[in-house]
């Protein structure tokens, strides 16, 4: 379960940047192709946030769509998984979005 290590990193990074302030909300952007389960990450976040400035903080997760460009017809293709095809039938696609995993913002009291 790599969501636990992701949650630990988010908690540590946010606590460091809050400079002693209490964090009320953290917003993450996670691409659909990042292989992260949002529900598992929420659970791990709550566990990792205990006894830190993030305890009780809300975790908002914004899921970003997977996107690719077909190398054959140059169309933009929306992807739900890494095995999707272009509407032209080609599997020759270059992923250009959906693998993100970043802290978008945090609200500090």
PDB file of N, CA and C in Angstrom:
ATOM      1  N   UNK A   1       0.857  -1.180   0.000  1.00  0.00           N
ATOM      2  CA  UNK A   1       0.000   0.000   0.000  1.00  0.00           C
ATOM      3  C   UNK A   1       0.897   1.235   0.000  1.00  0.00           C
ATOM      4  N   UNK A   2       1.182   1.761  -1.175  1.00  0.00           N
ATOM      5  CA  UNK A   2       2.045   2.937  -1.256  1.00  0.00           C
ATOM      6  C   UNK A   2       1.313   4.214  -0.858  1.00  0.00           C
ATOM      7  N   UNK A   3      -0.005   4.152  -0.697  1.00  0.00           N
ATOM      8  CA  UNK A   3      -0.748   5.322  -0.228  1.00  0.00           C
ATOM      9  C   UNK A   3      -0.275   5.767   1.149  1.00  0.00           C
ATOM     10  N   UNK A   4       0.163   4.827   1.970  1.00  0.00           N
ATOM     11  CA  UNK A   4       0.667   5.169   3.301  1.00  0.00           C
ATOM     12  C   UNK A   4       1.923   6.027   3.196  1.00  0.00           C
ATOM     13  N   UNK A   5       2.853   5.657   2.338  1.00  0.00           N
ATOM     14  CA  UNK A   5       4.078   6.460   2.203  1.00  0.00           C
ATOM     15  C   UNK A   5       3.781   7.812   1.565  1.00  0.00           C
ATOM     16  N   UNK A   6       2.816   7.872   0.664  1.00  0.00           N
ATOM     17  CA  UNK A   6       2.403   9.149   0.066  1.00  0.00           C
ATOM     18  C   UNK A   6       1.810  10.049   1.144  1.00  0.00           C
ATOM     19  N   UNK A   7       0.927   9.485   1.964  1.00  0.00           N
ATOM     20  CA  UNK A   7       0.297  10.256   3.040  1.00  0.00           C
ATOM     21  C   UNK A   7       1.349  10.771   4.021  1.00  0.00           C
ATOM     22  N   UNK A   8       2.314   9.934   4.373  1.00  0.00           N
ATOM     23  CA  UNK A   8       3.371  10.356   5.292  1.00  0.00           C
ATOM     24  C   UNK A   8       4.157  11.523   4.704  1.00  0.00           C
ATOM     25  N   UNK A   9       4.480  11.439   3.423  1.00  0.00           N
ATOM     26  CA  UNK A   9       5.229  12.513   2.779  1.00  0.00           C
ATOM     27  C   UNK A   9       4.411  13.807   2.758  1.00  0.00           C
ATOM     28  N   UNK A  10       3.133  13.722   2.419  1.00  0.00           N
ATOM     29  CA  UNK A  10       2.272  14.916   2.365  1.00  0.00           C
ATOM     30  C   UNK A  10       2.192  15.562   3.744  1.00  0.00           C
ATOM     31  N   UNK A  11       1.970  14.766   4.776  1.00  0.00           N
ATOM     32  CA  UNK A  11       1.867  15.295   6.142  1.00  0.00           C
ATOM     33  C   UNK A  11       3.181  15.968   6.545  1.00  0.00           C
ATOM     34  N   UNK A  12       4.298  15.311   6.300  1.00  0.00           N
ATOM     35  CA  UNK A  12       5.591  15.878   6.676  1.00  0.00           C
ATOM     36  C   UNK A  12       5.886  17.165   5.906  1.00  0.00           C
ATOM     37  N   UNK A  13       5.637  17.158   4.610  1.00  0.00           N
ATOM     38  CA  UNK A  13       5.922  18.331   3.783  1.00  0.00           C
ATOM     39  C   UNK A  13       5.037  19.514   4.175  1.00  0.00           C
ATOM     40  N   UNK A  14       3.760  19.257   4.407  1.00  0.00           N
ATOM     41  CA  UNK A  14       2.843  20.335   4.783  1.00  0.00           C
ATOM     42  C   UNK A  14       3.172  20.879   6.167  1.00  0.00           C
ATOM     43  N   UNK A  15       3.468  20.009   7.119  1.00  0.00           N
ATOM     44  CA  UNK A  15       3.805  20.449   8.473  1.00  0.00           C
ATOM     45  C   UNK A  15       5.060  21.314   8.456  1.00  0.00           C
ATOM     46  N   UNK A  16       6.032  20.936   7.651  1.00  0.00           N
ATOM     47  CA  UNK A  16       7.273  21.715   7.553  1.00  0.00           C
ATOM     48  C   UNK A  16       7.000  23.111   6.984  1.00  0.00           C
ATOM     49  N   UNK A  17       6.173  23.183   5.960  1.00  0.00           N
ATOM     50  CA  UNK A  17       5.900  24.466   5.315  1.00  0.00           C
ATOM     51  C   UNK A  17       4.937  25.345   6.115  1.00  0.00           C
ATOM     52  N   UNK A  18       4.194  24.756   7.030  1.00  0.00           N
ATOM     53  CA  UNK A  18       3.247  25.525   7.843  1.00  0.00           C
ATOM     54  C   UNK A  18       3.946  26.315   8.941  1.00  0.00           C
ATOM     55  N   UNK A  19       5.207  25.997   9.209  1.00  0.00           N
ATOM     56  CA  UNK A  19       6.022  26.703  10.187  1.00  0.00           C
ATOM     57  C   UNK A  19       5.328  26.849  11.544  1.00  0.00           C
ATOM     58  N   UNK A  20       4.770  25.733  12.026  1.00  0.00           N
ATOM     59  CA  UNK A  20       4.146  25.724  13.351  1.00  0.00           C
ATOM     60  C   UNK A  20       2.666  26.050  13.355  1.00  0.00           C
ATOM     61  N   UNK A  21       2.130  26.489  12.237  1.00  0.00           N
ATOM     62  CA  UNK A  21       0.697  26.797  12.165  1.00  0.00           C
ATOM     63  C   UNK A  21      -0.142  25.531  12.079  1.00  0.00           C
ATOM     64  N   UNK A  22      -1.389  25.651  12.482  1.00  0.00           N
ATOM     65  CA  UNK A  22      -2.315  24.520  12.395  1.00  0.00           C
ATOM     66  C   UNK A  22      -2.904  24.488  10.998  1.00  0.00           C
ATOM     67  N   UNK A  23      -2.866  23.332  10.367  1.00  0.00           N
ATOM     68  CA  UNK A  23      -3.362  23.185   9.003  1.00  0.00           C
ATOM     69  C   UNK A  23      -4.811  22.711   9.038  1.00  0.00           C
ATOM     70  N   UNK A  24      -5.667  23.451   8.342  1.00  0.00           N
ATOM     71  CA  UNK A  24      -7.096  23.153   8.335  1.00  0.00           C
ATOM     72  C   UNK A  24      -7.525  22.321   7.133  1.00  0.00           C
ATOM     73  N   UNK A  25      -6.842  22.511   6.007  1.00  0.00           N
ATOM     74  CA  UNK A  25      -7.255  21.831   4.774  1.00  0.00           C
ATOM     75  C   UNK A  25      -6.042  21.653   3.864  1.00  0.00           C
ATOM     76  N   UNK A  26      -5.995  20.493   3.203  1.00  0.00           N
ATOM     77  CA  UNK A  26      -4.968  20.209   2.199  1.00  0.00           C
ATOM     78  C   UNK A  26      -5.694  19.761   0.936  1.00  0.00           C
ATOM     79  N   UNK A  27      -5.298  20.334  -0.194  1.00  0.00           N
ATOM     80  CA  UNK A  27      -5.877  19.945  -1.474  1.00  0.00           C
ATOM     81  C   UNK A  27      -4.786  19.294  -2.316  1.00  0.00           C
ATOM     82  N   UNK A  28      -5.064  18.068  -2.751  1.00  0.00           N
ATOM     83  CA  UNK A  28      -4.142  17.330  -3.606  1.00  0.00           C
ATOM     84  C   UNK A  28      -4.724  17.204  -4.998  1.00  0.00           C
ATOM     85  N   UNK A  29      -3.867  17.245  -6.002  1.00  0.00           N
ATOM     86  CA  UNK A  29      -4.252  16.915  -7.370  1.00  0.00           C
ATOM     87  C   UNK A  29      -3.624  15.565  -7.698  1.00  0.00           C
ATOM     88  N   UNK A  30      -4.476  14.620  -8.082  1.00  0.00           N
ATOM     89  CA  UNK A  30      -4.002  13.276  -8.380  1.00  0.00           C
ATOM     90  C   UNK A  30      -4.546  12.860  -9.739  1.00  0.00           C
ATOM     91  N   UNK A  31      -3.656  12.490 -10.630  1.00  0.00           N
ATOM     92  CA  UNK A  31      -4.056  12.028 -11.946  1.00  0.00           C
ATOM     93  C   UNK A  31      -4.646  10.623 -11.884  1.00  0.00           C
ATOM     94  N   UNK A  32      -5.599  10.365 -12.764  1.00  0.00           N
ATOM     95  CA  UNK A  32      -6.235   9.045 -12.806  1.00  0.00           C
ATOM     96  C   UNK A  32      -5.250   7.937 -13.153  1.00  0.00           C
ATOM     97  N   UNK A  33      -4.131   8.290 -13.759  1.00  0.00           N
ATOM     98  CA  UNK A  33      -3.140   7.294 -14.149  1.00  0.00           C
ATOM     99  C   UNK A  33      -2.006   7.170 -13.135  1.00  0.00           C
ATOM    100  N   UNK A  34      -2.119   7.837 -11.995  1.00  0.00           N
ATOM    101  CA  UNK A  34      -1.057   7.850 -10.985  1.00  0.00           C
ATOM    102  C   UNK A  34      -1.041   6.597 -10.114  1.00  0.00           C
ATOM    103  N   UNK A  35      -1.979   5.705 -10.302  1.00  0.00           N
ATOM    104  CA  UNK A  35      -2.054   4.458  -9.530  1.00  0.00           C
ATOM    105  C   UNK A  35      -2.194   4.714  -8.034  1.00  0.00           C
ATOM    106  N   UNK A  36      -3.009   5.715  -7.693  1.00  0.00           N
ATOM    107  CA  UNK A  36      -3.274   6.036  -6.294  1.00  0.00           C
ATOM    108  C   UNK A  36      -4.775   5.891  -6.058  1.00  0.00           C
ATOM    109  N   UNK A  37      -5.124   5.180  -5.000  1.00  0.00           N
ATOM    110  CA  UNK A  37      -6.536   5.004  -4.656  1.00  0.00           C
ATOM    111  C   UNK A  37      -6.929   6.115  -3.674  1.00  0.00           C
ATOM    112  N   UNK A  38      -7.783   7.055  -4.110  1.00  0.00           N
ATOM    113  CA  UNK A  38      -8.135   8.195  -3.251  1.00  0.00           C
ATOM    114  C   UNK A  38      -8.682   7.802  -1.885  1.00  0.00           C
ATOM    115  N   UNK A  39      -9.549   6.801  -1.813  1.00  0.00           N
ATOM    116  CA  UNK A  39     -10.117   6.402  -0.520  1.00  0.00           C
ATOM    117  C   UNK A  39      -9.043   5.864   0.422  1.00  0.00           C
ATOM    118  N   UNK A  40      -8.122   5.082  -0.101  1.00  0.00           N
ATOM    119  CA  UNK A  40      -7.028   4.553   0.724  1.00  0.00           C
ATOM    120  C   UNK A  40      -6.125   5.694   1.189  1.00  0.00           C
ATOM    121  N   UNK A  41      -5.890   6.669   0.311  1.00  0.00           N
ATOM    122  CA  UNK A  41      -5.062   7.811   0.680  1.00  0.00           C
ATOM    123  C   UNK A  41      -5.722   8.641   1.775  1.00  0.00           C
ATOM    124  N   UNK A  42      -7.041   8.820   1.687  1.00  0.00           N
ATOM    125  CA  UNK A  42      -7.761   9.565   2.740  1.00  0.00           C
ATOM    126  C   UNK A  42      -7.605   8.870   4.092  1.00  0.00           C
ATOM    127  N   UNK A  43      -7.785   7.566   4.108  1.00  0.00           N
ATOM    128  CA  UNK A  43      -7.644   6.808   5.354  1.00  0.00           C
ATOM    129  C   UNK A  43      -6.229   6.962   5.917  1.00  0.00           C
ATOM    130  N   UNK A  44      -5.221   6.783   5.059  1.00  0.00           N
ATOM    131  CA  UNK A  44      -3.834   6.887   5.506  1.00  0.00           C
ATOM    132  C   UNK A  44      -3.493   8.299   5.966  1.00  0.00           C
ATOM    133  N   UNK A  45      -4.050   9.296   5.292  1.00  0.00           N
ATOM    134  CA  UNK A  45      -3.805  10.686   5.670  1.00  0.00           C
ATOM    135  C   UNK A  45      -4.282  10.934   7.098  1.00  0.00           C
ATOM    136  N   UNK A  46      -5.493  10.475   7.413  1.00  0.00           N
ATOM    137  CA  UNK A  46      -6.023  10.666   8.762  1.00  0.00           C
ATOM    138  C   UNK A  46      -5.142   9.999   9.811  1.00  0.00           C
ATOM    139  N   UNK A  47      -4.632   8.815   9.506  1.00  0.00           N
ATOM    140  CA  UNK A  47      -3.762   8.094  10.435  1.00  0.00           C
ATOM    141  C   UNK A  47      -2.434   8.828  10.604  1.00  0.00           C
ATOM    142  N   UNK A  48      -1.843   9.246   9.503  1.00  0.00           N
ATOM    143  CA  UNK A  48      -0.537   9.923   9.555  1.00  0.00           C
ATOM    144  C   UNK A  48      -0.624  11.312  10.182  1.00  0.00           C
ATOM    145  N   UNK A  49      -1.782  11.946  10.100  1.00  0.00           N
ATOM    146  CA  UNK A  49      -1.942  13.317  10.607  1.00  0.00           C
ATOM    147  C   UNK A  49      -2.094  13.370  12.124  1.00  0.00           C
ATOM    148  N   UNK A  50      -2.354  12.233  12.768  1.00  0.00           N
ATOM    149  CA  UNK A  50      -2.523  12.234  14.224  1.00  0.00           C
ATOM    150  C   UNK A  50      -1.282  12.785  14.916  1.00  0.00           C
ATOM    151  N   UNK A  51      -1.541  13.632  15.892  1.00  0.00           N
ATOM    152  CA  UNK A  51      -0.478  14.223  16.722  1.00  0.00           C
ATOM    153  C   UNK A  51       0.470  15.103  15.892  1.00  0.00           C
ATOM    154  N   UNK A  52      -0.037  15.695  14.823  1.00  0.00           N
ATOM    155  CA  UNK A  52       0.733  16.633  14.009  1.00  0.00           C
ATOM    156  C   UNK A  52      -0.117  17.894  13.823  1.00  0.00           C
ATOM    157  N   UNK A  53       0.437  18.945  13.243  1.00  0.00           N
ATOM    158  CA  UNK A  53      -0.361  20.146  12.963  1.00  0.00           C
ATOM    159  C   UNK A  53      -1.498  19.894  11.953  1.00  0.00           C
ATOM    160  N   UNK A  54      -1.523  18.720  11.339  1.00  0.00           N
ATOM    161  CA  UNK A  54      -2.564  18.394  10.368  1.00  0.00           C
ATOM    162  C   UNK A  54      -3.715  17.587  10.976  1.00  0.00           C
ATOM    163  N   UNK A  55      -3.624  17.267  12.259  1.00  0.00           N
ATOM    164  CA  UNK A  55      -4.685  16.465  12.870  1.00  0.00           C
ATOM    165  C   UNK A  55      -6.025  17.174  12.721  1.00  0.00           C
ATOM    166  N   UNK A  56      -7.002  16.475  12.167  1.00  0.00           N
ATOM    167  CA  UNK A  56      -8.333  17.028  11.946  1.00  0.00           C
ATOM    168  C   UNK A  56      -8.480  17.808  10.655  1.00  0.00           C
ATOM    169  N   UNK A  57      -7.402  17.964   9.909  1.00  0.00           N
ATOM    170  CA  UNK A  57      -7.463  18.714   8.647  1.00  0.00           C
ATOM    171  C   UNK A  57      -8.289  17.963   7.616  1.00  0.00           C
ATOM    172  N   UNK A  58      -9.005  18.721   6.795  1.00  0.00           N
ATOM    173  CA  UNK A  58      -9.760  18.131   5.692  1.00  0.00           C
ATOM    174  C   UNK A  58      -8.789  17.846   4.545  1.00  0.00           C
ATOM    175  N   UNK A  59      -9.017  16.743   3.870  1.00  0.00           N
ATOM    176  CA  UNK A  59      -8.223  16.397   2.696  1.00  0.00           C
ATOM    177  C   UNK A  59      -9.128  16.416   1.488  1.00  0.00           C
ATOM    178  N   UNK A  60      -8.878  17.352   0.587  1.00  0.00           N
ATOM    179  CA  UNK A  60      -9.626  17.428  -0.669  1.00  0.00           C
ATOM    180  C   UNK A  60      -8.754  16.838  -1.760  1.00  0.00           C
ATOM    181  N   UNK A  61      -9.338  15.943  -2.538  1.00  0.00           N
ATOM    182  CA  UNK A  61      -8.607  15.328  -3.639  1.00  0.00           C
ATOM    183  C   UNK A  61      -9.306  15.680  -4.942  1.00  0.00           C
ATOM    184  N   UNK A  62      -8.551  16.299  -5.834  1.00  0.00           N
ATOM    185  CA  UNK A  62      -9.050  16.639  -7.168  1.00  0.00           C
ATOM    186  C   UNK A  62      -8.438  15.627  -8.128  1.00  0.00           C
ATOM    187  N   UNK A  63      -9.289  14.822  -8.759  1.00  0.00           N
ATOM    188  CA  UNK A  63      -8.795  13.831  -9.707  1.00  0.00           C
ATOM    189  C   UNK A  63      -8.691  14.452 -11.092  1.00  0.00           C
ATOM    190  N   UNK A  64      -7.513  14.337 -11.672  1.00  0.00           N
ATOM    191  CA  UNK A  64      -7.265  14.869 -13.005  1.00  0.00           C
ATOM    192  C   UNK A  64      -7.370  13.748 -14.028  1.00  0.00           C
ATOM    193  N   UNK A  65      -7.966  14.027 -15.175  1.00  0.00           N
ATOM    194  CA  UNK A  65      -8.141  12.967 -16.181  1.00  0.00           C
ATOM    195  C   UNK A  65      -6.818  12.571 -16.825  1.00  0.00           C
ATOM    196  N   UNK A  66      -6.789  11.339 -17.293  1.00  0.00           N
ATOM    197  CA  UNK A  66      -5.651  10.885 -18.078  1.00  0.00           C
ATOM    198  C   UNK A  66      -5.805  11.406 -19.501  1.00  0.00           C
ATOM    199  N   UNK A  67      -4.700  11.867 -20.085  1.00  0.00           N
ATOM    200  CA  UNK A  67      -4.734  12.389 -21.458  1.00  0.00           C
ATOM    201  C   UNK A  67      -3.519  11.887 -22.218  1.00  0.00           C
ATOM    202  N   UNK A  68      -3.725  11.650 -23.485  1.00  0.00           N
ATOM    203  CA  UNK A  68      -2.621  11.235 -24.350  1.00  0.00           C
ATOM    204  C   UNK A  68      -2.825  11.856 -25.723  1.00  0.00           C
ATOM    205  N   UNK A  69      -1.762  11.874 -26.489  1.00  0.00           N
ATOM    206  CA  UNK A  69      -1.833  12.304 -27.879  1.00  0.00           C
ATOM    207  C   UNK A  69      -1.480  11.100 -28.739  1.00  0.00           C
ATOM    208  N   UNK A  70      -2.327  10.826 -29.698  1.00  0.00           N
ATOM    209  CA  UNK A  70      -2.091   9.707 -30.604  1.00  0.00           C
ATOM    210  C   UNK A  70      -0.954  10.089 -31.558  1.00  0.00           C
ATOM    211  N   UNK A  71       0.046   9.239 -31.629  1.00  0.00           N
ATOM    212  CA  UNK A  71       1.182   9.514 -32.509  1.00  0.00           C
ATOM    213  C   UNK A  71       0.838   9.265 -33.981  1.00  0.00           C
ATOM    214  N   UNK A  72      -0.268   8.561 -34.218  1.00  0.00           N
ATOM    215  CA  UNK A  72      -0.664   8.261 -35.597  1.00  0.00           C
ATOM    216  C   UNK A  72      -1.582   9.330 -36.183  1.00  0.00           C
ATOM    217  N   UNK A  73      -2.643   9.708 -35.446  1.00  0.00           N
ATOM    218  CA  UNK A  73      -3.604  10.680 -35.998  1.00  0.00           C
ATOM    219  C   UNK A  73      -3.534  12.040 -35.297  1.00  0.00           C
ATOM    220  N   UNK A  74      -2.722  12.157 -34.234  1.00  0.00           N
ATOM    221  CA  UNK A  74      -2.482  13.402 -33.494  1.00  0.00           C
ATOM    222  C   UNK A  74      -3.697  13.913 -32.721  1.00  0.00           C
ATOM    223  N   UNK A  75      -4.671  13.062 -32.483  1.00  0.00           N
ATOM    224  CA  UNK A  75      -5.834  13.440 -31.667  1.00  0.00           C
ATOM    225  C   UNK A  75      -5.478  13.369 -30.186  1.00  0.00           C
ATOM    226  N   UNK A  76      -6.153  14.185 -29.394  1.00  0.00           N
ATOM    227  CA  UNK A  76      -6.037  14.095 -27.939  1.00  0.00           C
ATOM    228  C   UNK A  76      -7.019  13.028 -27.475  1.00  0.00           C
ATOM    229  N   UNK A  77      -6.534  12.115 -26.669  1.00  0.00           N
ATOM    230  CA  UNK A  77      -7.326  10.982 -26.205  1.00  0.00           C
ATOM    231  C   UNK A  77      -7.454  11.052 -24.695  1.00  0.00           C
ATOM    232  N   UNK A  78      -8.665  10.922 -24.172  1.00  0.00           N
ATOM    233  CA  UNK A  78      -8.881  10.864 -22.733  1.00  0.00           C
ATOM    234  C   UNK A  78      -8.713   9.400 -22.305  1.00  0.00           C
ATOM    235  N   UNK A  79      -7.953   9.179 -21.234  1.00  0.00           N
ATOM    236  CA  UNK A  79      -7.638   7.821 -20.790  1.00  0.00           C
ATOM    237  C   UNK A  79      -8.178   7.559 -19.391  1.00  0.00           C
ATOM    238  N   UNK A  80      -8.766   6.386 -19.213  1.00  0.00           N
ATOM    239  CA  UNK A  80      -9.144   5.923 -17.878  1.00  0.00           C
ATOM    240  C   UNK A  80      -8.101   4.964 -17.323  1.00  0.00           C
ATOM    241  N   UNK A  81      -7.324   4.365 -18.209  1.00  0.00           N
ATOM    242  CA  UNK A  81      -6.253   3.472 -17.797  1.00  0.00           C
ATOM    243  C   UNK A  81      -5.141   3.529 -18.836  1.00  0.00           C
ATOM    244  N   UNK A  82      -4.043   2.883 -18.542  1.00  0.00           N
ATOM    245  CA  UNK A  82      -2.874   2.951 -19.415  1.00  0.00           C
ATOM    246  C   UNK A  82      -3.011   2.116 -20.679  1.00  0.00           C
ATOM    247  N   UNK A  83      -4.043   1.297 -20.776  1.00  0.00           N
ATOM    248  CA  UNK A  83      -4.201   0.404 -21.921  1.00  0.00           C
ATOM    249  C   UNK A  83      -5.234   0.894 -22.925  1.00  0.00           C
ATOM    250  N   UNK A  84      -5.673   2.134 -22.803  1.00  0.00           N
ATOM    251  CA  UNK A  84      -6.707   2.654 -23.694  1.00  0.00           C
ATOM    252  C   UNK A  84      -6.151   2.891 -25.093  1.00  0.00           C
ATOM    253  N   UNK A  85      -7.073   2.893 -26.048  1.00  0.00           N
ATOM    254  CA  UNK A  85      -6.729   3.145 -27.446  1.00  0.00           C
ATOM    255  C   UNK A  85      -7.312   4.470 -27.898  1.00  0.00           C
ATOM    256  N   UNK A  86      -6.729   4.992 -28.949  1.00  0.00           N
ATOM    257  CA  UNK A  86      -7.273   6.172 -29.608  1.00  0.00           C
ATOM    258  C   UNK A  86      -8.543   5.759 -30.360  1.00  0.00           C
ATOM    259  N   UNK A  87      -9.371   6.725 -30.671  1.00  0.00           N
ATOM    260  CA  UNK A  87     -10.586   6.421 -31.442  1.00  0.00           C
ATOM    261  C   UNK A  87     -10.252   5.899 -32.835  1.00  0.00           C
ATOM    262  N   UNK A  88      -9.041   6.160 -33.326  1.00  0.00           N
ATOM    263  CA  UNK A  88      -8.635   5.628 -34.635  1.00  0.00           C
ATOM    264  C   UNK A  88      -8.210   4.165 -34.524  1.00  0.00           C
ATOM    265  N   UNK A  89      -8.135   3.638 -33.283  1.00  0.00           N
ATOM    266  CA  UNK A  89      -7.772   2.239 -33.066  1.00  0.00           C
ATOM    267  C   UNK A  89      -6.315   2.026 -32.687  1.00  0.00           C
ATOM    268  N   UNK A  90      -5.519   3.063 -32.741  1.00  0.00           N
ATOM    269  CA  UNK A  90      -4.094   2.947 -32.462  1.00  0.00           C
ATOM    270  C   UNK A  90      -3.817   2.873 -30.959  1.00  0.00           C
ATOM    271  N   UNK A  91      -2.802   2.096 -30.618  1.00  0.00           N
ATOM    272  CA  UNK A  91      -2.286   2.052 -29.243  1.00  0.00           C
ATOM    273  C   UNK A  91      -1.026   2.893 -29.110  1.00  0.00           C
ATOM    274  N   UNK A  92      -0.627   3.539 -30.179  1.00  0.00           N
ATOM    275  CA  UNK A  92       0.600   4.323 -30.237  1.00  0.00           C
ATOM    276  C   UNK A  92       0.323   5.730 -29.712  1.00  0.00           C
ATOM    277  N   UNK A  93       0.228   5.844 -28.385  1.00  0.00           N
ATOM    278  CA  UNK A  93      -0.121   7.121 -27.766  1.00  0.00           C
ATOM    279  C   UNK A  93       0.972   7.567 -26.805  1.00  0.00           C
ATOM    280  N   UNK A  94       1.093   8.877 -26.670  1.00  0.00           N
ATOM    281  CA  UNK A  94       2.029   9.474 -25.718  1.00  0.00           C
ATOM    282  C   UNK A  94       1.229  10.112 -24.596  1.00  0.00           C
ATOM    283  N   UNK A  95       1.436   9.657 -23.375  1.00  0.00           N
ATOM    284  CA  UNK A  95       0.706  10.191 -22.227  1.00  0.00           C
ATOM    285  C   UNK A  95       1.220  11.600 -21.928  1.00  0.00           C
ATOM    286  N   UNK A  96       0.280  12.544 -21.829  1.00  0.00           N
ATOM    287  CA  UNK A  96       0.643  13.937 -21.561  1.00  0.00           C
ATOM    288  C   UNK A  96      -0.026  14.480 -20.295  1.00  0.00           C
ATOM    289  N   UNK A  97      -0.849  13.687 -19.637  1.00  0.00           N
ATOM    290  CA  UNK A  97      -1.490  14.135 -18.410  1.00  0.00           C
ATOM    291  C   UNK A  97      -2.156  12.987 -17.696  1.00  0.00           C
ATOM    292  N   UNK A  98      -2.320  13.151 -16.389  1.00  0.00           N
ATOM    293  CA  UNK A  98      -2.998  12.135 -15.603  1.00  0.00           C
ATOM    294  C   UNK A  98      -2.091  11.373 -14.669  1.00  0.00           C
ATOM    295  N   UNK A  99      -0.800  11.666 -14.688  1.00  0.00           N
ATOM    296  CA  UNK A  99       0.140  10.990 -13.793  1.00  0.00           C
ATOM    297  C   UNK A  99       0.571  11.899 -12.640  1.00  0.00           C
ATOM    298  N   UNK A 100      -0.072  13.063 -12.530  1.00  0.00           N
ATOM    299  CA  UNK A 100       0.299  14.041 -11.509  1.00  0.00           C
ATOM    300  C   UNK A 100      -0.041  13.549 -10.101  1.00  0.00           C
ATOM    301  N   UNK A 101       0.736  14.036  -9.167  1.00  0.00           N
ATOM    302  CA  UNK A 101       0.471  13.832  -7.745  1.00  0.00           C
ATOM    303  C   UNK A 101       1.146  14.990  -7.035  1.00  0.00           C
ATOM    304  N   UNK A 102       0.359  16.021  -6.683  1.00  0.00           N
ATOM    305  CA  UNK A 102       0.968  17.192  -6.057  1.00  0.00           C
ATOM    306  C   UNK A 102       0.028  17.835  -5.056  1.00  0.00           C
ATOM    307  N   UNK A 103       0.646  18.523  -4.110  1.00  0.00           N
ATOM    308  CA  UNK A 103      -0.109  19.329  -3.162  1.00  0.00           C
ATOM    309  C   UNK A 103      -0.436  20.633  -3.889  1.00  0.00           C
ATOM    310  N   UNK A 104      -1.701  20.854  -4.123  1.00  0.00           N
ATOM    311  CA  UNK A 104      -2.142  22.066  -4.832  1.00  0.00           C
ATOM    312  C   UNK A 104      -2.162  23.269  -3.895  1.00  0.00           C
ATOM    313  N   UNK A 105      -2.719  23.056  -2.685  1.00  0.00           N
ATOM    314  CA  UNK A 105      -2.745  24.145  -1.713  1.00  0.00           C
ATOM    315  C   UNK A 105      -3.039  23.600  -0.325  1.00  0.00           C
ATOM    316  N   UNK A 106      -2.766  24.445   0.672  1.00  0.00           N
ATOM    317  CA  UNK A 106      -3.118  24.096   2.042  1.00  0.00           C
ATOM    318  C   UNK A 106      -3.585  25.368   2.753  1.00  0.00           C
ATOM    319  N   UNK A 107      -4.509  25.184   3.659  1.00  0.00           N
ATOM    320  CA  UNK A 107      -5.069  26.304   4.425  1.00  0.00           C
ATOM    321  C   UNK A 107      -4.517  26.207   5.843  1.00  0.00           C
ATOM    322  N   UNK A 108      -3.874  27.276   6.273  1.00  0.00           N
ATOM    323  CA  UNK A 108      -3.226  27.300   7.587  1.00  0.00           C
ATOM    324  C   UNK A 108      -3.926  28.326   8.466  1.00  0.00           C
ATOM    325  N   UNK A 109      -4.203  27.941   9.718  1.00  0.00           N
ATOM    326  CA  UNK A 109      -4.857  28.869  10.672  1.00  0.00           C
ATOM    327  C   UNK A 109      -3.852  29.833  11.247  1.00  0.00           C
TER     328      UNK A 109
END
